[in-house]
Amino acid sequence: MSVLSIEGLRKSYVSPDGATTPVIDIESFAMAAGEQVALEGASGSGKTTFLHLIAGIVKADSGSIVVAGDDITAMREAARDRARALHLGYVFQTFNLLDGYTALENVMLGMMFGPGADRAKARSLLERVGMADRMHYKPRQLSVGQQQRVAVARALANQPRLVLADEPTGNLDRIRAAEALALIREVCREQDAALLLVSHDRAVLESFERRESLSELNRVGSAT
């Protein structure tokens, strides 16, 4: 069963001088439920735009993106936001934690657009990712690795069908990166969530059975 199906996906941006720059042109891409895929995405390959299109953060010019049975390209903005909250988890490279809130509050805020905040579940997730003794700390009081664990817990808070991870090990040293990667993959398996992870790290890429190259998928070639 497919959790992600993309057909004829195109996205361009218009510069201030009126020039149109194609960024994404992908004929097809699909992932099965529970599948874990590593997507090689060098700087300038369009990887962030691609993930944002899948998440519905950026609207496609044409084509279809079907996530867990919902075509998000056919939805209005409010419906896309709702579908994202229900079906998708996102681990950003910079984590995007809110500085004024504790780790527990950050995870609970991630639940607000889905079924609703569940304090007990948020605590359970933080315990699962090894943050039981830091859940009342704010991001500035946490190490980079600890912040990432909070970001992983938040991404999985609504039991998404698909988790997107944009260079999730990019800010970590080799040992911490290996630990973080293992944690993300293990927790996704436990929740039966598919994982699409973008990286340029060869060690990360080679740990996945299925590897894809965004530069090969994207007919635009080099993009921003």
Protein backbone atom coordinates (compact mmCIF):
# COMPACT_ATOMS: atom_id res chain seq x y z
CA MET A 1 0.00 0.00 0.00
CA SER A 2 1.35 3.41 -1.00
CA VAL A 3 1.78 6.15 1.58
CA LEU A 4 3.23 8.66 -0.92
CA SER A 5 2.59 8.92 -4.64
CA ILE A 6 3.88 11.79 -6.78
CA GLU A 7 3.10 12.31 -10.46
CA GLY A 8 4.16 15.13 -12.79
CA LEU A 9 5.30 17.42 -9.98
CA ARG A 10 6.54 20.84 -11.08
CA LYS A 11 7.48 23.99 -9.23
CA SER A 12 9.04 27.23 -10.47
CA TYR A 13 9.80 30.54 -8.82
CA VAL A 14 9.54 34.00 -10.35
CA SER A 15 12.44 36.36 -9.59
CA PRO A 16 11.96 40.10 -8.94
CA ASP A 17 12.91 40.83 -12.55
CA GLY A 18 10.11 38.55 -13.78
CA ALA A 19 12.29 35.62 -14.88
CA THR A 20 10.87 32.14 -14.22
CA THR A 21 13.25 29.60 -12.70
CA PRO A 22 12.20 25.93 -12.71
CA VAL A 23 13.13 24.24 -9.43
CA ILE A 24 11.34 20.88 -9.37
CA ASP A 25 10.28 18.67 -12.29
CA ILE A 26 9.76 15.09 -11.09
CA GLU A 27 7.86 12.65 -13.28
CA SER A 28 7.06 10.12 -10.55
CA PHE A 29 8.07 9.04 -7.07
CA ALA A 30 6.37 6.67 -4.63
CA MET A 31 6.86 5.11 -1.21
CA ALA A 32 5.12 2.18 0.40
CA ALA A 33 3.63 2.31 3.87
CA GLY A 34 6.35 1.85 6.48
CA GLU A 35 9.14 2.09 3.90
CA GLN A 36 12.35 3.95 4.73
CA VAL A 37 14.06 5.83 1.89
CA ALA A 38 17.26 7.86 1.85
CA LEU A 39 17.26 10.65 -0.70
CA GLU A 40 20.62 12.08 -1.67
CA GLY A 41 20.31 15.83 -1.93
CA ALA A 42 23.38 17.97 -2.42
CA SER A 43 23.25 21.72 -1.94
CA GLY A 44 21.31 23.23 -4.83
CA SER A 45 19.47 20.03 -5.77
CA GLY A 46 16.05 21.37 -4.70
CA LYS A 47 15.74 19.08 -1.67
CA THR A 48 14.13 21.55 0.73
CA THR A 49 11.64 22.67 -1.91
CA PHE A 50 10.80 19.02 -2.62
CA LEU A 51 10.15 18.24 1.04
CA HIS A 52 8.12 21.43 1.45
CA LEU A 53 6.00 20.46 -1.54
CA ILE A 54 5.29 17.04 -0.04
CA ALA A 55 4.43 18.67 3.29
CA GLY A 56 2.12 21.18 1.64
CA ILE A 57 4.18 24.09 2.95
CA VAL A 58 4.81 25.14 -0.67
CA LYS A 59 2.11 24.79 -3.31
CA ALA A 60 2.98 22.95 -6.53
CA ASP A 61 2.48 24.56 -9.95
CA SER A 62 1.20 21.27 -11.34
CA GLY A 63 1.08 17.55 -10.68
CA SER A 64 -0.23 15.50 -7.79
CA ILE A 65 1.10 14.62 -4.34
CA VAL A 66 -1.01 11.96 -2.65
CA VAL A 67 -0.16 11.36 1.03
CA ALA A 68 -2.07 8.61 2.83
CA GLY A 69 -4.82 8.81 0.21
CA ASP A 70 -5.20 12.61 0.24
CA ASP A 71 -4.15 14.67 -2.78
CA ILE A 72 -2.73 17.73 -1.07
CA THR A 73 -2.23 19.57 -4.35
CA ALA A 74 -6.01 19.69 -4.79
CA MET A 75 -6.63 21.20 -1.35
CA ARG A 76 -7.02 24.75 -0.14
CA GLU A 77 -4.48 26.01 2.37
CA ALA A 78 -6.52 25.23 5.49
CA ALA A 79 -7.17 21.68 4.29
CA ARG A 80 -3.46 21.20 3.49
CA ASP A 81 -2.58 22.34 7.00
CA ARG A 82 -5.02 19.82 8.45
CA ALA A 83 -3.73 16.98 6.24
CA ARG A 84 -0.16 17.82 7.21
CA ALA A 85 -1.03 17.68 10.90
CA LEU A 86 -2.79 14.33 10.51
CA HIS A 87 -0.48 12.50 8.11
CA LEU A 88 2.99 14.07 8.24
CA GLY A 89 5.83 14.54 10.69
CA TYR A 90 8.76 16.82 9.84
CA VAL A 91 12.25 16.84 11.38
CA PHE A 92 13.84 20.09 10.24
CA GLN A 93 17.61 20.46 9.98
CA THR A 94 17.51 23.44 12.36
CA PHE A 95 14.86 21.69 14.53
CA ASN A 96 12.53 24.77 14.60
CA LEU A 97 11.83 24.44 18.31
CA LEU A 98 10.15 27.43 19.98
CA ASP A 99 12.63 29.04 22.36
CA GLY A 100 10.06 30.28 24.87
CA TYR A 101 8.60 26.83 25.53
CA THR A 102 9.89 23.72 27.27
CA ALA A 103 10.59 20.47 25.50
CA LEU A 104 7.26 19.11 26.73
CA GLU A 105 5.39 22.20 25.56
CA ASN A 106 7.07 22.05 22.14
CA VAL A 107 5.84 18.49 21.65
CA MET A 108 2.34 19.39 22.86
CA LEU A 109 2.22 22.37 20.50
CA GLY A 110 2.99 19.97 17.67
CA MET A 111 -0.22 18.14 18.56
CA MET A 112 -2.47 21.21 18.44
CA PHE A 113 -3.29 21.01 14.73
CA GLY A 114 -4.00 17.28 14.89
CA PRO A 115 -6.14 15.39 17.41
CA GLY A 116 -5.20 17.88 20.14
CA ALA A 117 -2.61 18.21 22.89
CA ASP A 118 -2.13 15.12 25.02
CA ARG A 119 0.27 15.76 27.91
CA ALA A 120 0.62 12.11 28.88
CA LYS A 121 1.44 11.08 25.31
CA ALA A 122 3.93 13.94 24.92
CA ARG A 123 5.68 12.85 28.12
CA SER A 124 5.75 9.25 26.89
CA LEU A 125 7.36 10.28 23.60
CA LEU A 126 10.02 12.35 25.33
CA GLU A 127 10.77 9.43 27.63
CA ARG A 128 11.05 7.18 24.57
CA VAL A 129 13.67 9.42 22.97
CA GLY A 130 15.69 9.65 26.17
CA MET A 131 14.53 13.06 27.37
CA ALA A 132 12.70 12.06 30.55
CA ASP A 133 14.95 14.22 32.73
CA ARG A 134 14.96 17.22 30.36
CA MET A 135 11.31 17.65 29.37
CA HIS A 136 10.94 20.86 31.38
CA TYR A 137 14.07 22.42 29.90
CA LYS A 138 13.85 25.08 27.19
CA PRO A 139 15.78 24.65 23.90
CA ARG A 140 18.61 27.01 24.93
CA GLN A 141 19.22 24.77 27.97
CA LEU A 142 19.64 21.68 25.79
CA SER A 143 22.54 20.42 23.70
CA VAL A 144 22.16 20.17 19.92
CA GLY A 145 21.64 16.42 20.20
CA GLN A 146 19.00 16.86 22.89
CA GLN A 147 17.18 19.46 20.80
CA GLN A 148 17.07 16.99 17.95
CA ARG A 149 15.53 14.33 20.19
CA VAL A 150 12.78 16.79 21.08
CA ALA A 151 12.29 17.51 17.37
CA VAL A 152 11.93 13.78 16.68
CA ALA A 153 9.36 13.41 19.47
CA ARG A 154 7.41 16.37 18.11
CA ALA A 155 7.48 14.99 14.55
CA LEU A 156 5.97 11.72 15.77
CA ALA A 157 3.47 13.26 18.18
CA ASN A 158 0.43 12.77 15.94
CA GLN A 159 1.43 9.25 14.80
CA PRO A 160 2.04 10.35 11.20
CA ARG A 161 1.94 7.98 8.25
CA LEU A 162 5.02 9.67 6.75
CA VAL A 163 7.99 11.39 8.40
CA LEU A 164 10.16 13.81 6.42
CA ALA A 165 13.68 14.47 7.71
CA ASP A 166 15.86 17.20 6.18
CA GLU A 167 19.55 16.58 6.92
CA PRO A 168 18.69 15.51 10.51
CA THR A 169 22.29 14.57 11.31
CA GLY A 170 23.91 17.60 9.67
CA ASN A 171 24.56 19.47 12.93
CA LEU A 172 25.91 16.48 14.87
CA ASP A 173 29.32 14.86 15.21
CA ARG A 174 29.82 11.37 13.80
CA ILE A 175 28.92 9.47 16.99
CA ARG A 176 25.87 11.61 17.77
CA ALA A 177 24.80 11.44 14.12
CA ALA A 178 24.82 7.63 14.16
CA GLU A 179 22.84 7.60 17.41
CA ALA A 180 20.30 10.11 16.08
CA LEU A 181 19.83 8.21 12.82
CA ALA A 182 19.28 4.94 14.66
CA LEU A 183 16.75 6.61 16.95
CA ILE A 184 14.75 8.18 14.10
CA ARG A 185 14.60 4.92 12.17
CA GLU A 186 13.72 2.82 15.22
CA VAL A 187 10.93 5.11 16.43
CA CYS A 188 9.47 5.31 12.90
CA ARG A 189 9.40 1.50 12.77
CA GLU A 190 7.72 1.34 16.16
CA GLN A 191 4.97 3.70 14.97
CA ASP A 192 4.81 2.09 11.49
CA ALA A 193 5.59 5.44 9.89
CA ALA A 194 7.32 5.66 6.53
CA LEU A 195 10.51 7.73 6.52
CA LEU A 196 11.89 9.93 3.74
CA LEU A 197 15.27 11.20 4.88
CA VAL A 198 17.36 13.65 2.86
CA SER A 199 21.12 13.67 3.38
CA HIS A 200 24.40 14.21 1.58
CA ASP A 201 26.30 12.11 4.15
CA ARG A 202 27.54 8.94 2.44
CA ALA A 203 27.53 6.91 5.67
CA VAL A 204 23.90 7.84 6.31
CA LEU A 205 22.85 7.08 2.74
CA GLU A 206 24.55 3.70 2.65
CA SER A 207 22.74 2.54 5.79
CA PHE A 208 19.42 2.48 3.88
CA GLU A 209 18.31 -0.38 1.63
CA ARG A 210 16.57 2.02 -0.75
CA ARG A 211 18.53 5.05 -1.89
CA GLU A 212 17.48 7.64 -4.46
CA SER A 213 19.24 10.64 -5.96
CA LEU A 214 17.18 13.82 -6.13
CA SER A 215 19.41 15.21 -8.87
CA GLU A 216 18.53 12.16 -10.99
CA LEU A 217 14.82 12.30 -10.18
CA ASN A 218 14.63 16.04 -10.81
CA ARG A 219 14.66 16.76 -14.54
CA VAL A 220 15.47 20.40 -13.87
CA GLY A 221 18.98 19.31 -12.93
CA SER A 222 20.77 21.71 -10.59
CA ALA A 223 18.24 23.79 -8.66
CA THR A 224 18.19 26.04 -5.64
